Amino acid sequence: MKITIFKGQSIKEILNFIQEIINKTFYYSKFARSEEIKRFSPVLIRKELKDKNNLFLIAKDNDKTAGILNGYYEAGMFWIDWVVVNPSSRRNGIAESLMNYLEGKLKKEKVHKIWCDCRTINKESVSLLKKLKFKKITKIKNHWYKQDFYLWQKYL
């Protein structure tokens, strides 16, 4: 597996990957699926890739997309917007590898904190964040897409 910074190469493959994951994820409501797919349009992805505050990491396994992490820098911190792994590649340490790659990069850049959220029913994300020593800040009820979320942080 190889992790690199995604600069826009094979954007169609990435968008297809993201849309497939969104459509197959059980904890997304119908409303959430619709809105998340809009967020990952070719126009919006290209715009985000041009913004130096945005970062996309891609994990490839034998030239096939295995996972993606994206987020953005703000005020000396980094917000993880999304970590996703191909269902056929799960339980192989890909999300953990993406997160560790990100943490190493951010430490070199003197970023002092990573933060993110996840749905309260996303047991895999909760488990990963605990394993990586993130601290749960709070539970936010009836939040984005009328779903419950946990807010997490990790000081570097």
C-alpha atoms as a PDB file:
ATOM      1  CA  MET A   1       0.000   0.000   0.000  1.00  0.00           C
ATOM      2  CA  LYS A   2       1.219   3.479  -0.862  1.00  0.00           C
ATOM      3  CA  ILE A   3      -0.101   6.761   0.597  1.00  0.00           C
ATOM      4  CA  THR A   4       0.332   9.985  -1.368  1.00  0.00           C
ATOM      5  CA  ILE A   5      -1.074  13.481  -1.479  1.00  0.00           C
ATOM      6  CA  PHE A   6      -3.827  13.558  -4.078  1.00  0.00           C
ATOM      7  CA  LYS A   7      -3.312  16.414  -6.530  1.00  0.00           C
ATOM      8  CA  GLY A   8      -6.203  15.761  -8.908  1.00  0.00           C
ATOM      9  CA  GLN A   9      -4.918  12.883 -10.998  1.00  0.00           C
ATOM     10  CA  SER A  10      -7.640  10.365 -11.906  1.00  0.00           C
ATOM     11  CA  ILE A  11     -10.320  12.538 -10.330  1.00  0.00           C
ATOM     12  CA  LYS A  12     -13.115  10.535 -11.967  1.00  0.00           C
ATOM     13  CA  GLU A  13     -11.885   7.332 -10.300  1.00  0.00           C
ATOM     14  CA  ILE A  14     -11.813   9.088  -6.920  1.00  0.00           C
ATOM     15  CA  LEU A  15     -15.302  10.550  -7.356  1.00  0.00           C
ATOM     16  CA  ASN A  16     -16.712   7.159  -8.358  1.00  0.00           C
ATOM     17  CA  PHE A  17     -15.034   5.623  -5.308  1.00  0.00           C
ATOM     18  CA  ILE A  18     -16.483   8.267  -2.971  1.00  0.00           C
ATOM     19  CA  GLN A  19     -19.983   8.056  -4.425  1.00  0.00           C
ATOM     20  CA  GLU A  20     -19.990   4.264  -4.189  1.00  0.00           C
ATOM     21  CA  ILE A  21     -18.963   4.414  -0.527  1.00  0.00           C
ATOM     22  CA  ILE A  22     -21.580   7.052   0.311  1.00  0.00           C
ATOM     23  CA  ASN A  23     -24.329   5.044  -1.338  1.00  0.00           C
ATOM     24  CA  LYS A  24     -23.355   1.831   0.504  1.00  0.00           C
ATOM     25  CA  THR A  25     -22.828   3.274   3.993  1.00  0.00           C
ATOM     26  CA  PHE A  26     -25.719   2.250   6.229  1.00  0.00           C
ATOM     27  CA  TYR A  27     -25.356   5.064   8.761  1.00  0.00           C
ATOM     28  CA  TYR A  28     -25.970   7.765   6.141  1.00  0.00           C
ATOM     29  CA  SER A  29     -29.599   8.846   6.012  1.00  0.00           C
ATOM     30  CA  LYS A  30     -31.159   9.483   2.602  1.00  0.00           C
ATOM     31  CA  PHE A  31     -30.736  13.226   3.214  1.00  0.00           C
ATOM     32  CA  ALA A  32     -27.083  12.772   4.224  1.00  0.00           C
ATOM     33  CA  ARG A  33     -26.337  10.673   1.119  1.00  0.00           C
ATOM     34  CA  SER A  34     -27.814  13.297  -1.172  1.00  0.00           C
ATOM     35  CA  GLU A  35     -25.913  16.169   0.453  1.00  0.00           C
ATOM     36  CA  GLU A  36     -22.596  14.314   0.722  1.00  0.00           C
ATOM     37  CA  ILE A  37     -22.682  13.313  -2.952  1.00  0.00           C
ATOM     38  CA  LYS A  38     -23.219  16.994  -3.861  1.00  0.00           C
ATOM     39  CA  ARG A  39     -20.146  17.906  -1.783  1.00  0.00           C
ATOM     40  CA  PHE A  40     -18.007  15.571  -3.855  1.00  0.00           C
ATOM     41  CA  SER A  41     -18.798  16.909  -7.308  1.00  0.00           C
ATOM     42  CA  PRO A  42     -15.966  17.327  -9.866  1.00  0.00           C
ATOM     43  CA  VAL A  43     -16.266  21.122  -9.706  1.00  0.00           C
ATOM     44  CA  LEU A  44     -16.093  21.277  -5.901  1.00  0.00           C
ATOM     45  CA  ILE A  45     -13.240  18.757  -5.676  1.00  0.00           C
ATOM     46  CA  ARG A  46     -11.177  20.701  -8.224  1.00  0.00           C
ATOM     47  CA  LYS A  47     -11.859  23.903  -6.279  1.00  0.00           C
ATOM     48  CA  GLU A  48     -10.773  22.289  -3.015  1.00  0.00           C
ATOM     49  CA  LEU A  49      -7.628  20.889  -4.600  1.00  0.00           C
ATOM     50  CA  LYS A  50      -6.598  24.418  -5.648  1.00  0.00           C
ATOM     51  CA  ASP A  51      -6.931  25.679  -2.066  1.00  0.00           C
ATOM     52  CA  LYS A  52      -3.632  25.193  -0.190  1.00  0.00           C
ATOM     53  CA  ASN A  53      -5.568  24.797   3.073  1.00  0.00           C
ATOM     54  CA  ASN A  54      -7.224  21.596   1.849  1.00  0.00           C
ATOM     55  CA  LEU A  55      -5.498  18.229   1.874  1.00  0.00           C
ATOM     56  CA  PHE A  56      -6.463  14.942   0.243  1.00  0.00           C
ATOM     57  CA  LEU A  57      -4.521  11.784   1.000  1.00  0.00           C
ATOM     58  CA  ILE A  58      -5.049   8.657  -1.042  1.00  0.00           C
ATOM     59  CA  ALA A  59      -4.071   5.093  -0.187  1.00  0.00           C
ATOM     60  CA  LYS A  60      -3.497   2.860  -3.197  1.00  0.00           C
ATOM     61  CA  ASP A  61      -3.141  -0.897  -3.147  1.00  0.00           C
ATOM     62  CA  ASN A  62      -1.871  -2.309  -6.457  1.00  0.00           C
ATOM     63  CA  ASP A  63      -2.892   0.933  -8.215  1.00  0.00           C
ATOM     64  CA  LYS A  64      -6.459   0.635  -6.906  1.00  0.00           C
ATOM     65  CA  THR A  65      -7.913   3.204  -4.507  1.00  0.00           C
ATOM     66  CA  ALA A  66      -8.128   1.602  -1.079  1.00  0.00           C
ATOM     67  CA  GLY A  67      -8.825   4.679   1.054  1.00  0.00           C
ATOM     68  CA  ILE A  68      -9.072   8.457   1.198  1.00  0.00           C
ATOM     69  CA  LEU A  69      -8.609  11.056   3.918  1.00  0.00           C
ATOM     70  CA  ASN A  70      -9.439  14.701   3.379  1.00  0.00           C
ATOM     71  CA  GLY A  71      -9.612  17.789   5.518  1.00  0.00           C
ATOM     72  CA  TYR A  72      -8.274  21.282   5.932  1.00  0.00           C
ATOM     73  CA  TYR A  73      -5.892  23.493   7.874  1.00  0.00           C
ATOM     74  CA  GLU A  74      -7.306  26.321   9.950  1.00  0.00           C
ATOM     75  CA  ALA A  75      -5.782  28.471  12.708  1.00  0.00           C
ATOM     76  CA  GLY A  76      -2.891  26.103  13.426  1.00  0.00           C
ATOM     77  CA  MET A  77      -5.162  23.054  13.551  1.00  0.00           C
ATOM     78  CA  PHE A  78      -6.307  20.411  11.085  1.00  0.00           C
ATOM     79  CA  TRP A  79      -9.919  19.299  10.675  1.00  0.00           C
ATOM     80  CA  ILE A  80     -10.366  15.766   9.324  1.00  0.00           C
ATOM     81  CA  ASP A  81     -13.422  15.992   7.162  1.00  0.00           C
ATOM     82  CA  TRP A  82     -13.588  12.443   5.901  1.00  0.00           C
ATOM     83  CA  VAL A  83     -11.775   9.112   6.179  1.00  0.00           C
ATOM     84  CA  VAL A  84     -13.105   6.314   4.038  1.00  0.00           C
ATOM     85  CA  VAL A  85     -11.856   2.847   3.122  1.00  0.00           C
ATOM     86  CA  ASN A  86     -13.037   0.584   0.343  1.00  0.00           C
ATOM     87  CA  PRO A  87     -15.251  -2.088   1.964  1.00  0.00           C
ATOM     88  CA  SER A  88     -13.183  -4.851   0.326  1.00  0.00           C
ATOM     89  CA  SER A  89     -10.026  -3.403   1.919  1.00  0.00           C
ATOM     90  CA  ARG A  90     -11.330  -2.832   5.443  1.00  0.00           C
ATOM     91  CA  ARG A  91      -9.738  -4.402   8.506  1.00  0.00           C
ATOM     92  CA  ASN A  92      -6.301  -4.134   6.879  1.00  0.00           C
ATOM     93  CA  GLY A  93      -5.063  -1.017   8.703  1.00  0.00           C
ATOM     94  CA  ILE A  94      -5.678   1.419   5.838  1.00  0.00           C
ATOM     95  CA  ALA A  95      -7.570   4.053   7.858  1.00  0.00           C
ATOM     96  CA  GLU A  96      -4.960   3.804  10.610  1.00  0.00           C
ATOM     97  CA  SER A  97      -2.156   4.196   8.044  1.00  0.00           C
ATOM     98  CA  LEU A  98      -3.835   7.261   6.536  1.00  0.00           C
ATOM     99  CA  MET A  99      -4.256   8.795   9.991  1.00  0.00           C
ATOM    100  CA  ASN A 100      -0.640   8.033  10.970  1.00  0.00           C
ATOM    101  CA  TYR A 101       0.636   9.519   7.702  1.00  0.00           C
ATOM    102  CA  LEU A 102      -1.433  12.642   8.357  1.00  0.00           C
ATOM    103  CA  GLU A 103      -0.204  12.945  11.937  1.00  0.00           C
ATOM    104  CA  GLY A 104       3.441  12.659  10.853  1.00  0.00           C
ATOM    105  CA  LYS A 105       2.951  15.312   8.185  1.00  0.00           C
ATOM    106  CA  LEU A 106       1.182  17.666  10.585  1.00  0.00           C
ATOM    107  CA  LYS A 107       3.826  17.293  13.298  1.00  0.00           C
ATOM    108  CA  LYS A 108       6.516  18.316  10.777  1.00  0.00           C
ATOM    109  CA  GLU A 109       4.384  21.354   9.909  1.00  0.00           C
ATOM    110  CA  LYS A 110       4.003  22.280  13.606  1.00  0.00           C
ATOM    111  CA  VAL A 111       0.219  21.868  13.578  1.00  0.00           C
ATOM    112  CA  HIS A 112      -0.807  21.648  17.236  1.00  0.00           C
ATOM    113  CA  LYS A 113      -4.138  19.831  17.061  1.00  0.00           C
ATOM    114  CA  ILE A 114      -6.221  17.487  14.927  1.00  0.00           C
ATOM    115  CA  TRP A 115      -9.948  17.362  15.374  1.00  0.00           C
ATOM    116  CA  CYS A 116     -12.872  15.606  13.702  1.00  0.00           C
ATOM    117  CA  ASP A 117     -16.315  14.176  14.216  1.00  0.00           C
ATOM    118  CA  CYS A 118     -18.044  10.889  13.577  1.00  0.00           C
ATOM    119  CA  ARG A 119     -21.546   9.579  13.893  1.00  0.00           C
ATOM    120  CA  THR A 120     -22.241   7.974  17.251  1.00  0.00           C
ATOM    121  CA  ILE A 121     -23.301   4.752  15.497  1.00  0.00           C
ATOM    122  CA  ASN A 122     -20.066   4.502  13.489  1.00  0.00           C
ATOM    123  CA  LYS A 123     -18.408   1.910  15.740  1.00  0.00           C
ATOM    124  CA  GLU A 124     -15.408   1.484  13.428  1.00  0.00           C
ATOM    125  CA  SER A 125     -14.530   5.197  13.560  1.00  0.00           C
ATOM    126  CA  VAL A 126     -15.059   5.371  17.318  1.00  0.00           C
ATOM    127  CA  SER A 127     -12.757   2.385  17.793  1.00  0.00           C
ATOM    128  CA  LEU A 128     -10.076   3.819  15.483  1.00  0.00           C
ATOM    129  CA  LEU A 129     -10.116   7.243  17.119  1.00  0.00           C
ATOM    130  CA  LYS A 130      -9.796   5.715  20.582  1.00  0.00           C
ATOM    131  CA  LYS A 131      -6.930   3.502  19.392  1.00  0.00           C
ATOM    132  CA  LEU A 132      -5.139   6.558  17.995  1.00  0.00           C
ATOM    133  CA  LYS A 133      -5.530   8.380  21.341  1.00  0.00           C
ATOM    134  CA  PHE A 134      -8.104  10.952  20.251  1.00  0.00           C
ATOM    135  CA  LYS A 135     -10.186  12.306  23.115  1.00  0.00           C
ATOM    136  CA  LYS A 136     -13.953  12.580  22.835  1.00  0.00           C
ATOM    137  CA  ILE A 137     -14.932  16.207  23.464  1.00  0.00           C
ATOM    138  CA  THR A 138     -18.707  15.900  23.429  1.00  0.00           C
ATOM    139  CA  LYS A 139     -21.768  14.286  21.924  1.00  0.00           C
ATOM    140  CA  ILE A 140     -23.816  16.517  19.652  1.00  0.00           C
ATOM    141  CA  LYS A 141     -27.419  15.372  19.324  1.00  0.00           C
ATOM    142  CA  ASN A 142     -29.584  15.956  16.264  1.00  0.00           C
ATOM    143  CA  HIS A 143     -26.746  17.660  14.401  1.00  0.00           C
ATOM    144  CA  TRP A 144     -25.706  17.410  10.748  1.00  0.00           C
ATOM    145  CA  TYR A 145     -28.394  15.666   8.736  1.00  0.00           C
ATOM    146  CA  LYS A 146     -30.377  15.363  11.996  1.00  0.00           C
ATOM    147  CA  GLN A 147     -28.005  12.666  13.228  1.00  0.00           C
ATOM    148  CA  ASP A 148     -25.978  12.338  16.444  1.00  0.00           C
ATOM    149  CA  PHE A 149     -22.219  12.918  16.366  1.00  0.00           C
ATOM    150  CA  TYR A 150     -19.188  12.771  18.629  1.00  0.00           C
ATOM    151  CA  LEU A 151     -16.600  15.526  18.406  1.00  0.00           C
ATOM    152  CA  TRP A 152     -12.958  14.414  18.882  1.00  0.00           C
ATOM    153  CA  GLN A 153      -9.544  16.039  19.281  1.00  0.00           C
ATOM    154  CA  LYS A 154      -5.901  15.077  19.564  1.00  0.00           C
ATOM    155  CA  TYR A 155      -3.090  17.401  20.568  1.00  0.00           C
ATOM    156  CA  LEU A 156       0.158  16.893  18.704  1.00  0.00           C
END
